Protein backbone atom coordinates (compact mmCIF):
# COMPACT_ATOMS: atom_id res chain seq x y z
CA MET A 1 11.37 31.01 -2.73
CA THR A 2 8.83 33.60 -1.61
CA ALA A 3 5.17 33.29 -0.89
CA GLN A 4 4.38 35.75 -3.67
CA ASP A 5 5.72 33.70 -6.59
CA VAL A 6 2.84 31.24 -7.11
CA ASP A 7 2.12 32.23 -10.70
CA ALA A 8 -1.19 31.66 -12.45
CA HIS A 9 0.05 28.75 -14.55
CA THR A 10 1.52 26.89 -11.57
CA LEU A 11 -1.62 27.49 -9.56
CA ALA A 12 -3.89 26.18 -12.33
CA THR A 13 -1.71 23.11 -12.76
CA LEU A 14 -1.74 22.32 -9.05
CA VAL A 15 -5.53 22.58 -8.88
CA ALA A 16 -6.00 20.52 -12.06
CA ASP A 17 -3.83 17.77 -10.59
CA ALA A 18 -5.71 17.95 -7.29
CA THR A 19 -9.06 17.50 -9.02
CA ALA A 20 -7.91 14.33 -10.76
CA ALA A 21 -8.69 12.61 -7.44
CA PRO A 22 -11.57 10.14 -7.10
CA SER A 23 -14.77 11.13 -5.36
CA LEU A 24 -18.04 9.41 -4.53
CA HIS A 25 -20.06 9.17 -7.78
CA ASN A 26 -17.49 11.57 -9.28
CA ALA A 27 -19.42 14.42 -7.65
CA GLN A 28 -16.15 16.39 -7.25
CA PRO A 29 -17.33 18.10 -4.04
CA TRP A 30 -14.49 20.61 -3.73
CA ASN A 31 -13.67 24.24 -4.27
CA PHE A 32 -10.33 26.01 -3.92
CA ARG A 33 -9.54 29.58 -2.94
CA HIS A 34 -6.11 31.07 -3.50
CA LEU A 35 -5.08 33.91 -1.23
CA ALA A 36 -2.88 35.75 -3.70
CA GLY A 37 0.29 37.23 -2.27
CA GLN A 38 0.28 34.82 0.67
CA GLY A 39 1.07 31.59 -1.13
CA VAL A 40 -1.91 29.95 0.57
CA LEU A 41 -4.48 27.69 -1.06
CA ARG A 42 -7.66 26.79 0.81
CA LEU A 43 -9.74 23.69 0.19
CA TYR A 44 -13.49 23.97 0.80
CA ALA A 45 -16.25 21.38 0.73
CA ASP A 46 -18.82 22.12 -1.97
CA LEU A 47 -21.94 21.03 -0.12
CA SER A 48 -24.09 21.60 -3.20
CA ARG A 49 -22.45 18.41 -4.49
CA ALA A 50 -23.14 16.32 -1.41
CA LEU A 51 -25.12 13.07 -1.71
CA PRO A 52 -27.57 13.30 1.21
CA ARG A 53 -29.03 9.79 0.83
CA THR A 54 -25.85 7.92 -0.05
CA ASP A 55 -23.54 9.91 2.22
CA PRO A 56 -25.66 11.54 4.93
CA ASP A 57 -22.79 12.28 7.32
CA THR A 58 -20.54 13.55 4.45
CA ARG A 59 -17.89 10.98 5.28
CA GLY A 60 -17.45 10.19 1.59
CA LEU A 61 -17.37 13.89 0.71
CA HIS A 62 -14.53 14.44 3.17
CA MET A 63 -12.64 11.45 1.80
CA GLY A 64 -12.90 12.75 -1.76
CA CYS A 65 -11.62 16.13 -0.67
CA GLY A 66 -8.82 14.42 1.25
CA ALA A 67 -7.83 12.56 -1.91
CA ALA A 68 -7.73 15.88 -3.79
CA LEU A 69 -5.58 17.32 -1.01
CA PHE A 70 -3.11 14.48 -1.37
CA ASN A 71 -2.85 15.01 -5.12
CA LEU A 72 -2.17 18.68 -4.43
CA ARG A 73 0.67 17.72 -2.10
CA VAL A 74 2.15 15.38 -4.72
CA ALA A 75 1.88 17.98 -7.49
CA ALA A 76 3.43 20.64 -5.28
CA ALA A 77 6.35 18.38 -4.41
CA ALA A 78 6.88 17.57 -8.09
CA ALA A 79 6.96 21.32 -8.80
CA GLY A 80 9.72 21.78 -6.23
CA ARG A 81 7.49 23.11 -3.47
CA THR A 82 6.91 22.00 0.09
CA PRO A 83 3.25 22.29 1.09
CA VAL A 84 2.42 22.76 4.76
CA VAL A 85 -1.11 21.54 5.52
CA ARG A 86 -3.48 22.47 8.32
CA LEU A 87 -6.65 20.38 8.49
CA LEU A 88 -9.90 22.02 9.62
CA PRO A 89 -8.13 25.30 10.48
CA ASP A 90 -11.27 27.25 11.44
CA PRO A 91 -13.78 25.61 13.81
CA ALA A 92 -16.28 28.34 12.94
CA ASP A 93 -16.21 27.33 9.26
CA PRO A 94 -16.57 23.54 8.92
CA ALA A 95 -16.67 23.86 5.12
CA LEU A 96 -13.03 25.00 5.21
CA LEU A 97 -11.36 21.61 5.19
CA ALA A 98 -7.70 22.51 4.79
CA GLU A 99 -5.32 25.40 4.38
CA VAL A 100 -2.15 24.74 2.40
CA ALA A 101 0.88 27.02 2.52
CA LEU A 102 2.71 26.27 -0.71
CA ASN A 103 6.20 27.34 0.33
CA GLY A 104 7.34 25.47 3.39
CA ALA A 105 10.96 25.76 4.45
CA GLU A 106 11.86 22.06 4.18
CA PRO A 107 13.13 20.46 0.94
CA PRO A 108 10.41 18.97 -1.28
CA ASP A 109 9.37 15.41 -0.41
CA GLN A 110 10.86 13.31 -3.20
CA THR A 111 8.80 10.27 -2.18
CA LEU A 112 5.66 12.27 -2.94
CA ALA A 113 7.14 13.79 -6.11
CA ALA A 114 7.87 10.28 -7.44
CA LEU A 115 4.13 9.51 -7.41
CA TYR A 116 3.30 12.43 -9.71
CA PRO A 117 3.29 10.43 -13.00
CA ALA A 118 0.64 8.12 -11.53
CA ILE A 119 -1.91 10.93 -11.07
CA PRO A 120 -3.10 11.07 -14.71
CA ARG A 121 -2.89 7.27 -15.06
CA ARG A 122 -5.13 6.45 -12.09
CA HIS A 123 -8.69 5.74 -13.18
CA SER A 124 -11.21 3.45 -11.51
CA SER A 125 -11.47 0.28 -13.57
CA ARG A 126 -14.82 -1.48 -13.29
CA ARG A 127 -13.80 -4.25 -15.67
CA PRO A 128 -12.84 -7.82 -14.76
CA PHE A 129 -9.36 -8.27 -13.30
CA SER A 130 -7.01 -11.23 -13.40
CA GLU A 131 -6.75 -13.34 -10.24
CA ARG A 132 -2.94 -13.24 -10.58
CA PRO A 133 -1.42 -12.84 -7.10
CA LEU A 134 -0.27 -9.42 -5.99
CA PRO A 135 3.46 -9.10 -5.26
CA ALA A 136 4.11 -9.17 -1.52
CA GLY A 137 6.53 -6.27 -1.80
CA LEU A 138 3.92 -4.11 -3.50
CA GLN A 139 1.36 -4.99 -0.83
CA ASP A 140 3.89 -3.92 1.78
CA ARG A 141 4.46 -0.59 0.01
CA MET A 142 0.73 0.05 -0.09
CA CYS A 143 0.43 -0.68 3.62
CA GLU A 144 3.32 1.70 4.28
CA ALA A 145 1.60 4.33 2.14
CA ALA A 146 -1.55 4.13 4.25
CA GLY A 147 0.47 4.25 7.45
CA ALA A 148 2.33 7.36 6.30
CA GLU A 149 -1.04 9.18 6.26
CA GLY A 150 -2.21 7.93 9.64
CA ALA A 151 -4.39 5.10 8.34
CA GLN A 152 -4.21 1.31 8.15
CA LEU A 153 -4.45 -0.96 5.10
CA PHE A 154 -5.34 -4.61 5.63
CA PHE A 155 -5.62 -7.44 3.09
CA PRO A 156 -8.29 -9.82 4.41
CA GLY A 157 -8.15 -13.56 3.98
CA VAL A 158 -10.22 -15.62 1.56
CA TRP A 159 -13.03 -16.28 4.06
CA HIS A 160 -13.54 -12.58 4.77
CA VAL A 161 -13.35 -11.66 1.09
CA GLN A 162 -16.27 -14.00 0.44
CA GLU A 163 -18.13 -12.47 3.36
CA LEU A 164 -17.53 -9.01 1.87
CA LEU A 165 -19.02 -10.17 -1.44
CA GLU A 166 -22.12 -11.32 0.45
CA LEU A 167 -22.32 -7.93 2.16
CA VAL A 168 -22.15 -6.22 -1.23
CA GLN A 169 -25.12 -8.33 -2.36
CA ASP A 170 -26.98 -7.30 0.80
CA ALA A 171 -26.23 -3.63 0.11
CA GLU A 172 -27.36 -3.96 -3.50
CA GLY A 173 -30.65 -5.46 -2.34
CA ARG A 174 -31.20 -2.55 0.03
CA GLU A 175 -30.44 -0.06 -2.73
CA ALA A 176 -32.93 -1.72 -5.04
CA LEU A 177 -35.69 -1.13 -2.46
CA ASP A 178 -34.78 2.54 -1.88
CA PRO A 179 -36.20 4.78 -4.66
CA VAL A 180 -34.57 7.92 -3.23
CA LEU A 181 -31.17 6.27 -3.27
CA ARG A 182 -31.70 4.94 -6.79
CA ALA A 183 -32.69 8.40 -8.00
CA GLU A 184 -29.61 9.96 -6.41
CA THR A 185 -27.36 7.42 -8.13
CA ALA A 186 -29.11 7.98 -11.46
CA ARG A 187 -28.51 11.71 -11.14
CA TRP A 188 -24.74 11.20 -11.10
CA ALA A 189 -24.42 8.06 -13.26
CA ARG A 190 -25.73 8.73 -16.74
CA THR A 191 -26.67 6.02 -19.21
CA GLY A 192 -26.76 8.35 -22.23
CA PRO A 193 -25.04 11.47 -23.52
CA ALA A 194 -24.65 14.28 -20.99
CA ASP A 195 -26.25 17.65 -21.52
CA SER A 196 -24.00 20.69 -21.51
CA ARG A 197 -24.64 21.34 -17.80
CA ARG A 198 -23.48 17.87 -16.72
CA ALA A 199 -20.70 17.09 -19.19
CA SER A 200 -17.93 17.72 -16.66
CA ASP A 201 -19.13 15.63 -13.72
CA GLY A 202 -20.73 12.34 -12.80
CA ILE A 203 -19.89 8.91 -14.19
CA PRO A 204 -20.39 8.34 -17.93
CA ALA A 205 -21.74 5.01 -19.16
CA GLU A 206 -18.35 4.24 -20.73
CA ALA A 207 -16.89 4.03 -17.21
CA PHE A 208 -19.54 1.63 -15.84
CA GLY A 209 -17.78 -1.49 -17.06
CA PRO A 210 -19.70 -4.47 -18.42
CA GLY A 211 -22.68 -6.06 -16.74
CA ARG A 212 -21.74 -9.12 -14.74
CA TYR A 213 -22.48 -12.79 -15.11
CA GLY A 214 -22.17 -15.08 -12.13
CA PRO A 215 -21.61 -14.32 -8.45
CA ALA A 216 -21.36 -11.01 -6.64
CA THR A 217 -18.46 -8.69 -7.25
CA PRO A 218 -17.32 -5.61 -5.33
CA VAL A 219 -18.03 -3.36 -8.30
CA ARG A 220 -21.02 -1.07 -8.03
CA ASP A 221 -23.34 -1.40 -11.01
CA PHE A 222 -24.11 2.23 -11.75
CA ALA A 223 -26.67 1.23 -14.36
CA ALA A 224 -28.84 -0.17 -11.54
CA GLY A 225 -31.20 -1.91 -13.94
CA ARG A 226 -31.33 0.91 -16.48
CA PRO A 227 -30.57 -0.02 -20.10
CA VAL A 228 -27.17 1.08 -21.40
CA PRO A 229 -26.88 0.95 -25.21
CA GLY A 230 -23.94 -1.13 -26.37
CA ARG A 231 -22.99 -2.38 -22.91
CA GLY A 232 -21.61 -5.91 -22.85
CA TRP A 233 -21.47 -8.62 -20.20
CA ALA A 234 -18.54 -10.35 -18.54
CA VAL A 235 -17.55 -12.79 -15.81
CA TYR A 236 -15.68 -11.10 -12.96
CA GLU A 237 -13.09 -12.66 -10.71
CA ARG A 238 -14.46 -15.10 -8.14
CA ASN A 239 -11.73 -14.35 -5.60
CA PRO A 240 -10.95 -10.66 -6.00
CA HIS A 241 -8.01 -9.02 -4.29
CA LEU A 242 -9.52 -6.66 -1.74
CA ALA A 243 -8.01 -4.35 0.84
CA LEU A 244 -9.68 -2.56 3.73
CA LEU A 245 -8.57 0.99 4.51
CA GLY A 246 -9.38 2.16 8.02
CA THR A 247 -8.68 4.59 10.82
CA GLY A 248 -8.66 4.51 14.60
CA ARG A 249 -11.27 7.25 14.92
CA ASP A 250 -14.19 8.36 12.83
CA GLY A 251 -14.59 12.14 12.61
CA PRO A 252 -14.09 14.75 9.86
CA ALA A 253 -10.32 15.02 10.42
CA ASP A 254 -10.05 11.22 10.26
CA TRP A 255 -12.03 11.14 7.02
CA LEU A 256 -9.70 13.73 5.49
CA ARG A 257 -6.68 11.67 6.56
CA ALA A 258 -8.34 8.53 5.18
CA GLY A 259 -8.91 10.27 1.86
CA GLN A 260 -5.24 11.21 1.68
CA ALA A 261 -4.26 7.65 2.60
CA LEU A 262 -6.64 6.25 -0.01
CA GLU A 263 -5.13 8.31 -2.80
CA ARG A 264 -1.59 7.53 -1.67
CA VAL A 265 -2.40 3.82 -1.78
CA LEU A 266 -4.05 4.15 -5.20
CA LEU A 267 -1.09 6.04 -6.66
CA VAL A 268 1.40 3.51 -5.25
CA ALA A 269 -0.73 0.71 -6.74
CA THR A 270 -0.92 2.48 -10.10
CA ALA A 271 2.82 3.11 -10.13
CA GLY A 272 3.28 -0.61 -9.40
CA GLY A 273 1.27 -1.65 -12.47
CA LEU A 274 -2.05 -2.42 -10.80
CA VAL A 275 -5.51 -1.19 -11.66
CA THR A 276 -8.00 -0.36 -8.96
CA SER A 277 -11.59 0.40 -8.15
CA MET A 278 -13.43 1.13 -4.93
CA THR A 279 -16.68 0.18 -3.35
CA SER A 280 -18.38 1.99 -0.51
CA GLN A 281 -21.72 0.18 -0.77
CA THR A 282 -21.38 -1.79 2.43
CA LEU A 283 -20.08 1.29 4.23
CA GLU A 284 -23.20 3.31 3.40
CA TRP A 285 -25.33 1.21 5.78
CA PRO A 286 -24.20 1.49 9.43
CA GLU A 287 -25.00 -2.11 10.32
CA LEU A 288 -23.13 -3.42 7.26
CA ARG A 289 -20.21 -1.09 7.80
CA TRP A 290 -19.59 -2.59 11.20
CA VAL A 291 -19.39 -6.17 9.91
CA THR A 292 -17.21 -5.11 6.97
CA ARG A 293 -14.38 -5.03 9.52
CA ASP A 294 -12.12 -8.05 9.66
CA PRO A 295 -11.94 -8.79 13.40
CA SER A 296 -8.44 -10.23 13.01
CA SER A 297 -7.09 -6.84 11.86
CA GLY A 298 -7.92 -4.75 14.91
CA MET A 299 -9.14 -2.02 12.55
CA ALA A 300 -11.60 0.26 14.31
CA HIS A 301 -13.39 2.01 11.43
CA VAL A 302 -13.35 0.86 7.82
CA GLN A 303 -13.32 3.87 5.49
CA MET A 304 -13.04 2.19 2.07
CA VAL A 305 -12.96 -1.21 0.39
CA ILE A 306 -10.40 -1.23 -2.43
CA ARG A 307 -10.29 -3.76 -5.26
CA LEU A 308 -6.87 -4.25 -6.85
CA GLY A 309 -5.39 -6.41 -9.55
CA TYR A 310 -4.08 -6.72 -13.06
CA GLY A 311 -6.44 -5.82 -15.86
CA PRO A 312 -7.56 -3.19 -18.33
CA GLU A 313 -7.27 0.45 -17.31
CA GLY A 314 -10.48 2.26 -16.51
CA HIS A 315 -12.22 4.79 -18.72
CA PRO A 316 -11.52 8.35 -17.54
CA SER A 317 -14.41 10.20 -15.94
CA PRO A 318 -14.77 13.91 -16.71
CA ARG A 319 -13.48 16.71 -14.51
CA ARG A 320 -14.75 20.21 -13.90
CA PRO A 321 -12.54 22.88 -15.46
CA VAL A 322 -10.21 24.72 -13.13
CA ASN A 323 -12.02 28.03 -13.56
CA GLU A 324 -15.14 26.44 -12.03
CA VAL A 325 -13.42 25.23 -8.88
CA LEU A 326 -10.79 27.92 -8.24
CA ASP A 327 -11.39 31.39 -6.84
CA VAL A 328 -8.48 33.84 -6.58
CA VAL A 329 -8.72 36.45 -3.83
CA ARG A 330 -6.29 39.31 -4.33
CA ASP A 331 -4.98 41.50 -1.54
CA PRO A 332 -6.71 44.86 -1.32
CA VAL A 333 -4.76 47.73 -2.84
């Protein structure tokens, strides 16, 4: 297989699969550039889609792009290709997050290829889940998935789960007192029909899930007090199944690895019949992020709190079309 045979259809499919990844507020902060004739696809951060108040250090942006990178690797493996990834290949260009050669010499990774059917099925579900226990074997596979990407996944005990719910309440209270943060959330989470300029990004009201009765839950309420026509109410699980995803260090390369680990965990969970959602609320405040750690885990830096369980699948959020996120650079004649 040569570097020159990445045809337009294959390229578009790979990028479409990559962009099915989750991102903070579904901002989709990525762009791709294909170096035609070289079999190389570059992943860039789209800083125009950063969330400066919610994500001032762009940690979440890097994680979203890392998740897209993992989907790309899975899609490439399913297409019979072996991607070779270099993270942050150009220190002079920090927006260039990864360079992917699509035709490595090794056989395709069948473990990655097996996750491909889960890509279109994975949607964040912000609805109530059952408190049915998670199979121990599936938890082990999710931990292995995180470890394969250089991260750690830890399932905290009941006492720490309740502490996390209290931290979420604390974060929600801080958000309520921050008008800049509320405005940033409202920009990306719409309570009514989208105009033509915003139809392919952000979180639609259908994906918010119902309003909650009862105690705190690790599900961000994107309505944030705004009325949502036709939205119902529900009681969420009192003892949710949560997992902490973390890394040993806390720089851009670690965030990209954490994003890949996050998506690998989510796809393994989806393939195993679980539904998932994520919360980063407590991680958006430095003092709360520190205490989100479970001291018994030895985890240095928590990168995401994941909610898992059995329940209804989430409503799909829109995605930008491939022609908006992909630029093809052809070799000069």
